[in-house]
N, C-alpha and C. Protein backbone atom coordinates (compact mmCIF):
# COMPACT_ATOMS: atom_id res chain seq x y z
N UNK A 1 232.11 116.55 69.53
CA UNK A 1 231.70 115.21 69.15
C UNK A 1 230.20 115.07 69.32
N UNK A 2 229.53 114.57 68.31
CA UNK A 2 228.09 114.41 68.34
C UNK A 2 227.68 113.18 69.15
N UNK A 3 226.53 113.29 69.77
CA UNK A 3 225.99 112.17 70.54
C UNK A 3 225.52 111.08 69.59
N UNK A 4 225.91 109.85 69.84
CA UNK A 4 225.48 108.72 69.03
C UNK A 4 224.10 108.28 69.52
N UNK A 5 223.08 108.50 68.71
CA UNK A 5 221.69 108.29 69.10
C UNK A 5 221.39 106.85 69.49
N UNK A 6 222.15 105.89 68.95
CA UNK A 6 221.84 104.50 69.27
C UNK A 6 222.11 104.16 70.74
N UNK A 7 222.89 104.99 71.44
CA UNK A 7 223.15 104.72 72.85
C UNK A 7 221.96 105.04 73.75
N UNK A 8 221.05 105.84 73.26
CA UNK A 8 219.85 106.14 74.04
C UNK A 8 219.00 104.88 74.22
N UNK A 9 218.59 104.20 73.14
CA UNK A 9 217.84 102.96 73.36
C UNK A 9 218.68 101.86 73.99
N UNK A 10 219.99 101.85 73.74
CA UNK A 10 220.85 100.84 74.35
C UNK A 10 220.88 101.01 75.87
N UNK A 11 220.94 102.24 76.34
CA UNK A 11 220.91 102.47 77.80
C UNK A 11 219.55 102.08 78.37
N UNK A 12 218.51 102.27 77.59
CA UNK A 12 217.17 101.87 78.04
C UNK A 12 217.05 100.35 78.10
N UNK A 13 217.69 99.65 77.18
CA UNK A 13 217.70 98.18 77.23
C UNK A 13 218.36 97.73 78.52
N UNK A 14 219.50 98.33 78.83
CA UNK A 14 220.21 97.96 80.06
C UNK A 14 219.36 98.23 81.30
N UNK A 15 218.67 99.36 81.32
CA UNK A 15 217.82 99.72 82.44
C UNK A 15 216.67 98.73 82.61
N UNK A 16 216.00 98.41 81.51
CA UNK A 16 214.87 97.47 81.58
C UNK A 16 215.34 96.06 81.90
N UNK A 17 216.51 95.67 81.41
CA UNK A 17 217.05 94.35 81.75
C UNK A 17 217.36 94.28 83.25
N UNK A 18 217.91 95.35 83.79
CA UNK A 18 218.17 95.40 85.23
C UNK A 18 216.87 95.33 86.02
N UNK A 19 215.86 96.01 85.56
CA UNK A 19 214.55 95.97 86.23
C UNK A 19 213.96 94.56 86.16
N UNK A 20 214.16 93.88 85.04
CA UNK A 20 213.70 92.49 84.90
C UNK A 20 214.38 91.61 85.95
N UNK A 21 215.69 91.75 86.07
CA UNK A 21 216.44 90.96 87.05
C UNK A 21 215.96 91.29 88.46
N UNK A 22 215.67 92.54 88.71
CA UNK A 22 215.16 92.93 90.03
C UNK A 22 213.80 92.28 90.30
N UNK A 23 212.95 92.20 89.31
CA UNK A 23 211.66 91.51 89.47
C UNK A 23 211.89 90.05 89.82
N UNK A 24 212.87 89.42 89.16
CA UNK A 24 213.19 88.02 89.48
C UNK A 24 213.67 87.91 90.93
N UNK A 25 214.53 88.84 91.33
CA UNK A 25 215.05 88.84 92.70
C UNK A 25 213.89 88.96 93.71
N UNK A 26 212.99 89.90 93.48
CA UNK A 26 211.85 90.07 94.38
C UNK A 26 210.99 88.81 94.43
N UNK A 27 210.78 88.21 93.27
CA UNK A 27 209.96 87.00 93.21
C UNK A 27 210.61 85.85 93.97
N UNK A 28 211.92 85.72 93.83
CA UNK A 28 212.63 84.63 94.51
C UNK A 28 212.64 84.82 96.03
N UNK A 29 212.55 86.06 96.48
CA UNK A 29 212.60 86.34 97.92
C UNK A 29 211.23 86.60 98.54
N UNK A 30 210.19 86.40 97.75
CA UNK A 30 208.83 86.59 98.27
C UNK A 30 208.43 85.34 99.06
N UNK A 31 207.75 85.53 100.18
CA UNK A 31 207.31 84.35 100.95
C UNK A 31 206.41 83.43 100.11
N UNK A 32 206.51 82.16 100.39
CA UNK A 32 205.70 81.16 99.68
C UNK A 32 204.22 81.45 99.88
N UNK A 33 203.45 81.27 98.83
CA UNK A 33 202.00 81.48 98.91
C UNK A 33 201.30 80.14 98.93
N UNK A 34 200.02 80.17 99.22
CA UNK A 34 199.25 78.93 99.24
C UNK A 34 199.19 78.34 97.83
N UNK A 35 199.09 77.02 97.73
CA UNK A 35 199.13 76.39 96.42
C UNK A 35 197.86 76.57 95.59
N UNK A 36 196.81 77.06 96.18
CA UNK A 36 195.54 77.17 95.48
C UNK A 36 195.35 78.52 94.81
N UNK A 37 194.10 78.81 94.42
CA UNK A 37 193.80 80.09 93.77
C UNK A 37 193.91 81.26 94.74
N UNK A 38 194.02 82.43 94.18
CA UNK A 38 194.12 83.65 94.99
C UNK A 38 192.83 83.85 95.77
N UNK A 39 192.99 84.18 97.04
CA UNK A 39 191.83 84.44 97.89
C UNK A 39 191.77 85.90 98.32
N UNK A 40 192.87 86.63 98.10
CA UNK A 40 192.91 88.05 98.43
C UNK A 40 193.82 88.75 97.42
N UNK A 41 193.78 90.05 97.43
CA UNK A 41 194.65 90.80 96.52
C UNK A 41 196.12 90.54 96.81
N UNK A 42 196.46 90.38 98.08
CA UNK A 42 197.85 90.11 98.46
C UNK A 42 198.36 88.80 97.86
N UNK A 43 197.47 87.84 97.68
CA UNK A 43 197.87 86.54 97.10
C UNK A 43 198.40 86.68 95.68
N UNK A 44 198.06 87.76 95.00
CA UNK A 44 198.51 87.96 93.61
C UNK A 44 199.95 88.48 93.52
N UNK A 45 200.59 88.78 94.62
CA UNK A 45 201.93 89.38 94.59
C UNK A 45 202.91 88.62 93.70
N UNK A 46 203.02 87.28 93.80
CA UNK A 46 203.98 86.59 92.92
C UNK A 46 203.64 86.74 91.43
N UNK A 47 202.35 86.82 91.13
CA UNK A 47 201.92 87.00 89.74
C UNK A 47 202.28 88.41 89.28
N UNK A 48 202.18 89.37 90.17
CA UNK A 48 202.51 90.75 89.82
C UNK A 48 203.99 90.88 89.47
N UNK A 49 204.85 90.11 90.13
CA UNK A 49 206.27 90.11 89.75
C UNK A 49 206.45 89.62 88.32
N UNK A 50 205.70 88.60 87.95
CA UNK A 50 205.77 88.08 86.58
C UNK A 50 205.27 89.13 85.60
N UNK A 51 204.17 89.78 85.94
CA UNK A 51 203.62 90.83 85.08
C UNK A 51 204.62 91.98 84.92
N UNK A 52 205.22 92.40 86.02
CA UNK A 52 206.21 93.48 85.95
C UNK A 52 207.40 93.06 85.09
N UNK A 53 207.86 91.83 85.25
CA UNK A 53 208.97 91.33 84.43
C UNK A 53 208.57 91.26 82.96
N UNK A 54 207.33 90.89 82.69
CA UNK A 54 206.88 90.82 81.29
C UNK A 54 206.83 92.21 80.66
N UNK A 55 206.50 93.22 81.47
CA UNK A 55 206.53 94.60 80.96
C UNK A 55 207.97 95.05 80.70
N UNK A 56 208.87 94.67 81.58
CA UNK A 56 210.29 94.99 81.37
C UNK A 56 210.79 94.35 80.07
N UNK A 57 210.43 93.08 79.86
CA UNK A 57 210.86 92.41 78.64
C UNK A 57 210.25 93.08 77.41
N UNK A 58 209.01 93.50 77.52
CA UNK A 58 208.34 94.20 76.43
C UNK A 58 209.15 95.44 76.02
N UNK A 59 209.56 96.22 77.01
CA UNK A 59 210.33 97.43 76.71
C UNK A 59 211.75 97.11 76.26
N UNK A 60 212.33 96.03 76.74
CA UNK A 60 213.63 95.61 76.20
C UNK A 60 213.50 95.39 74.69
N UNK A 61 212.44 94.69 74.29
CA UNK A 61 212.26 94.41 72.86
C UNK A 61 211.96 95.68 72.06
N UNK A 62 211.19 96.59 72.62
CA UNK A 62 210.91 97.85 71.92
C UNK A 62 212.18 98.68 71.77
N UNK A 63 212.95 98.79 72.82
CA UNK A 63 214.20 99.55 72.74
C UNK A 63 215.22 98.85 71.85
N UNK A 64 215.21 97.53 71.85
CA UNK A 64 216.10 96.78 70.95
C UNK A 64 215.74 97.07 69.49
N UNK A 65 214.46 97.20 69.23
CA UNK A 65 213.98 97.54 67.89
C UNK A 65 214.56 98.89 67.46
N UNK A 66 214.51 99.88 68.34
CA UNK A 66 215.07 101.20 68.03
C UNK A 66 216.58 101.15 67.89
N UNK A 67 217.23 100.47 68.83
CA UNK A 67 218.69 100.35 68.77
C UNK A 67 219.13 99.72 67.45
N UNK A 68 218.49 98.65 67.06
CA UNK A 68 218.85 97.95 65.82
C UNK A 68 218.67 98.86 64.62
N UNK A 69 217.59 99.60 64.59
CA UNK A 69 217.34 100.52 63.48
C UNK A 69 218.44 101.58 63.39
N UNK A 70 218.77 102.20 64.51
CA UNK A 70 219.82 103.23 64.50
C UNK A 70 221.18 102.64 64.14
N UNK A 71 221.46 101.45 64.65
CA UNK A 71 222.73 100.81 64.37
C UNK A 71 222.85 100.47 62.88
N UNK A 72 221.80 99.92 62.31
CA UNK A 72 221.82 99.57 60.89
C UNK A 72 221.84 100.82 60.01
N UNK A 73 221.19 101.88 60.46
CA UNK A 73 221.25 103.15 59.72
C UNK A 73 222.68 103.67 59.69
N UNK A 74 223.36 103.62 60.83
CA UNK A 74 224.75 104.07 60.86
C UNK A 74 225.64 103.24 59.95
N UNK A 75 225.42 101.95 59.91
CA UNK A 75 226.20 101.08 59.02
C UNK A 75 225.94 101.45 57.56
N UNK A 76 224.67 101.69 57.24
CA UNK A 76 224.31 102.07 55.87
C UNK A 76 224.89 103.44 55.50
N UNK A 77 224.88 104.37 56.44
CA UNK A 77 225.47 105.70 56.18
C UNK A 77 226.98 105.59 55.95
N UNK A 78 227.63 104.74 56.71
CA UNK A 78 229.07 104.53 56.53
C UNK A 78 229.36 103.92 55.16
N UNK A 79 228.56 102.94 54.76
CA UNK A 79 228.74 102.32 53.44
C UNK A 79 228.53 103.35 52.33
N UNK A 80 227.57 104.25 52.52
CA UNK A 80 227.33 105.30 51.52
C UNK A 80 228.52 106.26 51.46
N UNK A 81 229.03 106.67 52.62
CA UNK A 81 230.19 107.58 52.65
C UNK A 81 231.42 106.94 52.00
N UNK A 82 231.55 105.65 52.16
CA UNK A 82 232.69 104.94 51.57
C UNK A 82 232.43 104.53 50.13
N UNK A 83 231.29 105.02 49.59
CA UNK A 83 230.90 104.79 48.19
C UNK A 83 230.64 103.31 47.89
N UNK A 84 230.22 102.56 48.90
CA UNK A 84 229.87 101.15 48.70
C UNK A 84 228.42 101.00 48.24
N UNK A 85 227.63 102.04 48.45
CA UNK A 85 226.24 102.06 47.97
C UNK A 85 226.01 103.38 47.25
N UNK A 86 225.02 103.37 46.34
CA UNK A 86 224.78 104.56 45.52
C UNK A 86 223.79 105.53 46.14
N UNK A 87 222.83 105.01 46.91
CA UNK A 87 221.80 105.86 47.48
C UNK A 87 222.05 106.11 48.96
N UNK A 88 221.82 107.36 49.37
CA UNK A 88 221.93 107.69 50.79
C UNK A 88 220.81 107.01 51.56
N UNK A 89 221.12 106.37 52.67
CA UNK A 89 220.08 105.68 53.44
C UNK A 89 219.14 106.67 54.12
N UNK A 90 217.90 106.27 54.25
CA UNK A 90 216.87 107.07 54.91
C UNK A 90 216.34 106.24 56.08
N UNK A 91 216.15 106.88 57.22
CA UNK A 91 215.73 106.19 58.43
C UNK A 91 214.48 105.34 58.19
N UNK A 92 213.46 105.92 57.57
CA UNK A 92 212.21 105.16 57.43
C UNK A 92 212.37 103.96 56.50
N UNK A 93 213.30 104.02 55.55
CA UNK A 93 213.55 102.84 54.70
C UNK A 93 214.18 101.71 55.52
N UNK A 94 215.08 102.08 56.41
CA UNK A 94 215.71 101.08 57.27
C UNK A 94 214.70 100.53 58.27
N UNK A 95 213.97 101.44 58.91
CA UNK A 95 213.05 101.04 59.98
C UNK A 95 211.86 100.24 59.48
N UNK A 96 211.30 100.62 58.33
CA UNK A 96 210.07 99.98 57.87
C UNK A 96 210.27 99.09 56.64
N UNK A 97 211.49 99.00 56.15
CA UNK A 97 211.75 98.16 55.00
C UNK A 97 211.97 96.72 55.39
N UNK A 98 212.01 95.86 54.39
CA UNK A 98 212.21 94.44 54.64
C UNK A 98 213.57 93.97 54.13
N UNK A 99 214.45 94.93 53.82
CA UNK A 99 215.75 94.59 53.23
C UNK A 99 216.81 94.21 54.26
N UNK A 100 216.62 94.57 55.50
CA UNK A 100 217.64 94.34 56.52
C UNK A 100 217.18 93.24 57.48
N UNK A 101 217.88 92.12 57.48
CA UNK A 101 217.48 90.98 58.30
C UNK A 101 217.50 91.28 59.79
N UNK A 102 218.44 92.09 60.26
CA UNK A 102 218.50 92.43 61.68
C UNK A 102 217.32 93.27 62.11
N UNK A 103 216.93 94.22 61.27
CA UNK A 103 215.78 95.08 61.58
C UNK A 103 214.49 94.26 61.53
N UNK A 104 214.37 93.40 60.54
CA UNK A 104 213.17 92.54 60.45
C UNK A 104 213.07 91.66 61.70
N UNK A 105 214.19 91.09 62.13
CA UNK A 105 214.18 90.24 63.34
C UNK A 105 213.77 91.05 64.57
N UNK A 106 214.29 92.25 64.72
CA UNK A 106 213.92 93.10 65.86
C UNK A 106 212.45 93.49 65.79
N UNK A 107 211.98 93.83 64.59
CA UNK A 107 210.57 94.20 64.42
C UNK A 107 209.64 93.03 64.74
N UNK A 108 209.98 91.85 64.25
CA UNK A 108 209.14 90.68 64.50
C UNK A 108 209.19 90.27 65.97
N UNK A 109 210.32 90.45 66.62
CA UNK A 109 210.42 90.12 68.04
C UNK A 109 209.46 91.00 68.84
N UNK A 110 209.51 92.30 68.59
CA UNK A 110 208.60 93.22 69.29
C UNK A 110 207.15 92.95 68.90
N UNK A 111 206.92 92.72 67.60
CA UNK A 111 205.56 92.48 67.13
C UNK A 111 204.96 91.20 67.67
N UNK A 112 205.71 90.11 67.62
CA UNK A 112 205.19 88.84 68.09
C UNK A 112 204.97 88.88 69.60
N UNK A 113 205.87 89.51 70.33
CA UNK A 113 205.70 89.63 71.78
C UNK A 113 204.42 90.41 72.09
N UNK A 114 204.21 91.49 71.37
CA UNK A 114 203.01 92.30 71.57
C UNK A 114 201.75 91.48 71.28
N UNK A 115 201.79 90.68 70.21
CA UNK A 115 200.65 89.85 69.83
C UNK A 115 200.33 88.82 70.91
N UNK A 116 201.35 88.28 71.56
CA UNK A 116 201.15 87.22 72.54
C UNK A 116 200.96 87.72 73.96
N UNK A 117 201.24 88.98 74.20
CA UNK A 117 201.18 89.50 75.57
C UNK A 117 199.76 89.49 76.14
N UNK A 118 198.78 89.87 75.37
CA UNK A 118 197.40 89.91 75.87
C UNK A 118 196.91 88.51 76.24
N UNK A 119 197.03 87.50 75.35
CA UNK A 119 196.61 86.16 75.77
C UNK A 119 197.39 85.64 76.98
N UNK A 120 198.68 85.99 77.05
CA UNK A 120 199.48 85.55 78.20
C UNK A 120 198.96 86.15 79.49
N UNK A 121 198.78 87.46 79.52
CA UNK A 121 198.34 88.12 80.75
C UNK A 121 196.94 87.65 81.17
N UNK A 122 196.07 87.49 80.19
CA UNK A 122 194.72 87.02 80.49
C UNK A 122 194.77 85.61 81.09
N UNK A 123 195.52 84.72 80.46
CA UNK A 123 195.61 83.34 80.97
C UNK A 123 196.29 83.31 82.34
N UNK A 124 197.28 84.15 82.54
CA UNK A 124 197.98 84.21 83.82
C UNK A 124 197.03 84.60 84.95
N UNK A 125 196.24 85.63 84.73
CA UNK A 125 195.32 86.08 85.78
C UNK A 125 194.16 85.11 85.99
N UNK A 126 193.66 84.54 84.91
CA UNK A 126 192.58 83.56 85.08
C UNK A 126 193.07 82.34 85.85
N UNK A 127 194.23 81.84 85.51
CA UNK A 127 194.79 80.66 86.17
C UNK A 127 195.05 80.95 87.64
N UNK A 128 195.60 82.11 87.94
CA UNK A 128 195.89 82.43 89.35
C UNK A 128 194.60 82.67 90.14
N UNK A 129 193.58 83.13 89.49
CA UNK A 129 192.31 83.39 90.17
C UNK A 129 191.51 82.11 90.43
N UNK A 130 191.53 81.18 89.47
CA UNK A 130 190.68 80.00 89.59
C UNK A 130 191.42 78.69 89.88
N UNK A 131 192.72 78.63 89.62
CA UNK A 131 193.44 77.37 89.77
C UNK A 131 194.53 77.47 90.82
N UNK A 132 195.59 78.25 90.54
CA UNK A 132 196.73 78.27 91.45
C UNK A 132 197.62 79.48 91.19
N UNK A 133 197.89 80.23 92.24
CA UNK A 133 198.83 81.35 92.14
C UNK A 133 200.24 80.81 91.89
N UNK A 134 200.64 79.79 92.64
CA UNK A 134 201.98 79.21 92.45
C UNK A 134 202.15 78.69 91.03
N UNK A 135 201.15 77.99 90.54
CA UNK A 135 201.22 77.45 89.18
C UNK A 135 201.30 78.55 88.14
N UNK A 136 200.48 79.58 88.31
CA UNK A 136 200.50 80.71 87.37
C UNK A 136 201.87 81.37 87.35
N UNK A 137 202.44 81.52 88.54
CA UNK A 137 203.76 82.15 88.64
C UNK A 137 204.81 81.31 87.91
N UNK A 138 204.79 80.01 88.12
CA UNK A 138 205.75 79.12 87.45
C UNK A 138 205.56 79.14 85.95
N UNK A 139 204.33 79.02 85.49
CA UNK A 139 204.06 79.06 84.04
C UNK A 139 204.45 80.42 83.45
N UNK A 140 204.25 81.47 84.23
CA UNK A 140 204.62 82.81 83.75
C UNK A 140 206.12 82.95 83.54
N UNK A 141 206.92 82.47 84.48
CA UNK A 141 208.37 82.55 84.31
C UNK A 141 208.84 81.67 83.17
N UNK A 142 208.20 80.52 82.98
CA UNK A 142 208.55 79.65 81.85
C UNK A 142 208.24 80.37 80.53
N UNK A 143 207.08 81.01 80.46
CA UNK A 143 206.70 81.74 79.26
C UNK A 143 207.73 82.83 78.95
N UNK A 144 208.13 83.56 79.97
CA UNK A 144 209.13 84.62 79.78
C UNK A 144 210.46 84.06 79.31
N UNK A 145 210.86 82.93 79.85
CA UNK A 145 212.10 82.31 79.40
C UNK A 145 212.05 82.02 77.90
N UNK A 146 210.98 81.38 77.45
CA UNK A 146 210.90 81.03 76.03
C UNK A 146 210.75 82.25 75.12
N UNK A 147 210.13 83.30 75.62
CA UNK A 147 210.01 84.52 74.82
C UNK A 147 211.35 85.26 74.73
N UNK A 148 212.21 85.07 75.70
CA UNK A 148 213.44 85.86 75.81
C UNK A 148 214.41 85.66 74.66
N UNK A 149 214.40 84.52 74.02
CA UNK A 149 215.39 84.30 72.95
C UNK A 149 214.76 84.23 71.56
N UNK A 150 213.56 84.76 71.42
CA UNK A 150 212.87 84.79 70.12
C UNK A 150 213.74 85.42 69.04
N UNK A 151 214.37 86.56 69.33
CA UNK A 151 215.17 87.27 68.32
C UNK A 151 216.33 86.40 67.81
N UNK A 152 216.87 85.56 68.67
CA UNK A 152 217.98 84.70 68.27
C UNK A 152 217.49 83.61 67.31
N UNK A 153 216.42 82.92 67.70
CA UNK A 153 215.94 81.82 66.85
C UNK A 153 215.24 82.32 65.59
N UNK A 154 214.78 83.57 65.60
CA UNK A 154 214.18 84.13 64.39
C UNK A 154 215.20 84.20 63.26
N UNK A 155 216.45 84.45 63.62
CA UNK A 155 217.52 84.59 62.62
C UNK A 155 218.05 83.24 62.14
N UNK A 156 217.67 82.16 62.80
CA UNK A 156 218.13 80.83 62.41
C UNK A 156 217.20 80.25 61.35
N UNK A 157 217.65 79.21 60.65
CA UNK A 157 216.79 78.60 59.63
C UNK A 157 215.50 78.04 60.23
N UNK A 158 214.45 78.10 59.46
CA UNK A 158 213.16 77.53 59.86
C UNK A 158 213.34 76.02 60.02
N UNK A 159 212.79 75.39 60.99
CA UNK A 159 211.78 75.76 61.98
C UNK A 159 212.34 76.10 63.35
N UNK A 160 213.55 76.62 63.43
CA UNK A 160 214.16 76.94 64.73
C UNK A 160 213.29 77.87 65.58
N UNK A 161 212.53 78.72 64.93
CA UNK A 161 211.66 79.65 65.63
C UNK A 161 210.71 78.94 66.59
N UNK A 162 210.34 77.72 66.24
CA UNK A 162 209.41 76.97 67.08
C UNK A 162 209.97 76.65 68.46
N UNK A 163 211.30 76.71 68.61
CA UNK A 163 211.91 76.47 69.92
C UNK A 163 211.44 77.53 70.92
N UNK A 164 211.17 78.72 70.44
CA UNK A 164 210.68 79.81 71.29
C UNK A 164 209.15 79.85 71.34
N UNK A 165 208.52 79.72 70.19
CA UNK A 165 207.08 79.98 70.12
C UNK A 165 206.21 78.85 70.66
N UNK A 166 206.46 77.62 70.26
CA UNK A 166 205.57 76.53 70.65
C UNK A 166 205.52 76.33 72.17
N UNK A 167 206.65 76.28 72.87
CA UNK A 167 206.54 76.16 74.34
C UNK A 167 205.82 77.35 74.99
N UNK A 168 206.04 78.54 74.46
CA UNK A 168 205.36 79.72 75.01
C UNK A 168 203.86 79.63 74.77
N UNK A 169 203.46 79.19 73.57
CA UNK A 169 202.03 79.02 73.29
C UNK A 169 201.45 77.95 74.22
N UNK A 170 202.21 76.90 74.45
CA UNK A 170 201.74 75.83 75.33
C UNK A 170 201.45 76.38 76.73
N UNK A 171 202.29 77.25 77.24
CA UNK A 171 202.06 77.85 78.56
C UNK A 171 200.70 78.53 78.60
N UNK A 172 200.41 79.30 77.57
CA UNK A 172 199.12 79.99 77.50
C UNK A 172 197.98 78.99 77.40
N UNK A 173 198.10 78.04 76.48
CA UNK A 173 197.02 77.06 76.28
C UNK A 173 196.78 76.23 77.54
N UNK A 174 197.87 75.85 78.22
CA UNK A 174 197.72 75.06 79.44
C UNK A 174 196.96 75.85 80.49
N UNK A 175 197.35 77.10 80.71
CA UNK A 175 196.69 77.90 81.75
C UNK A 175 195.22 78.12 81.42
N UNK A 176 194.91 78.41 80.17
CA UNK A 176 193.50 78.60 79.78
C UNK A 176 192.73 77.28 79.91
N UNK A 177 193.32 76.20 79.41
CA UNK A 177 192.65 74.90 79.48
C UNK A 177 192.39 74.45 80.90
N UNK A 178 193.40 74.57 81.76
CA UNK A 178 193.23 74.17 83.17
C UNK A 178 192.19 75.05 83.86
N UNK A 179 192.15 76.31 83.51
CA UNK A 179 191.13 77.20 84.09
C UNK A 179 189.73 76.77 83.65
N UNK A 180 189.58 76.46 82.37
CA UNK A 180 188.27 76.01 81.88
C UNK A 180 187.83 74.71 82.55
N UNK A 181 188.76 73.78 82.70
CA UNK A 181 188.43 72.52 83.37
C UNK A 181 188.01 72.78 84.81
N UNK A 182 188.73 73.64 85.49
CA UNK A 182 188.45 73.94 86.90
C UNK A 182 187.08 74.59 87.07
N UNK A 183 186.77 75.57 86.25
CA UNK A 183 185.49 76.27 86.44
C UNK A 183 184.29 75.45 85.94
N UNK A 184 184.55 74.45 85.12
CA UNK A 184 183.43 73.64 84.61
C UNK A 184 183.03 72.54 85.57
N UNK A 185 183.77 72.36 86.67
CA UNK A 185 183.44 71.30 87.65
C UNK A 185 182.32 71.73 88.54
């Protein structure tokens, strides 16, 4: 029996999801920090849990992208074998084409997350450095929550996608704005 390749990224999704949950566990059990900005490297610990969780989510989305591609390829190969389609499917057509809604959703989930990760991390560190570690940590977990279901709302009719994106953008804008206000005083 041949190994089903889609189980490789699926096992990686499970591993990264478990690591995400572990980051949450560590964050919940970390001693309370001062409400103000970070004064030492140790003060950044709660923010580092958020950063580690955001990296776990990033890899969940990347592995989900691979899993979806392999899964849809297998479905297309089965349809071809059963003579439901005329052309044999090719991996790169499934992976890079726009014909499969599930693959497009997985691609956009990974792509949009990647696009937003840099502004998020920058705003998170600036806010924790100049305003509040506790606040940055809370905004970071909120951002992760709203990013977590992007793939679901992407598949729903427009403007459902805004349920994920607008609150996540707000988290970034709030942290940047509050940092600018704080440093301008």
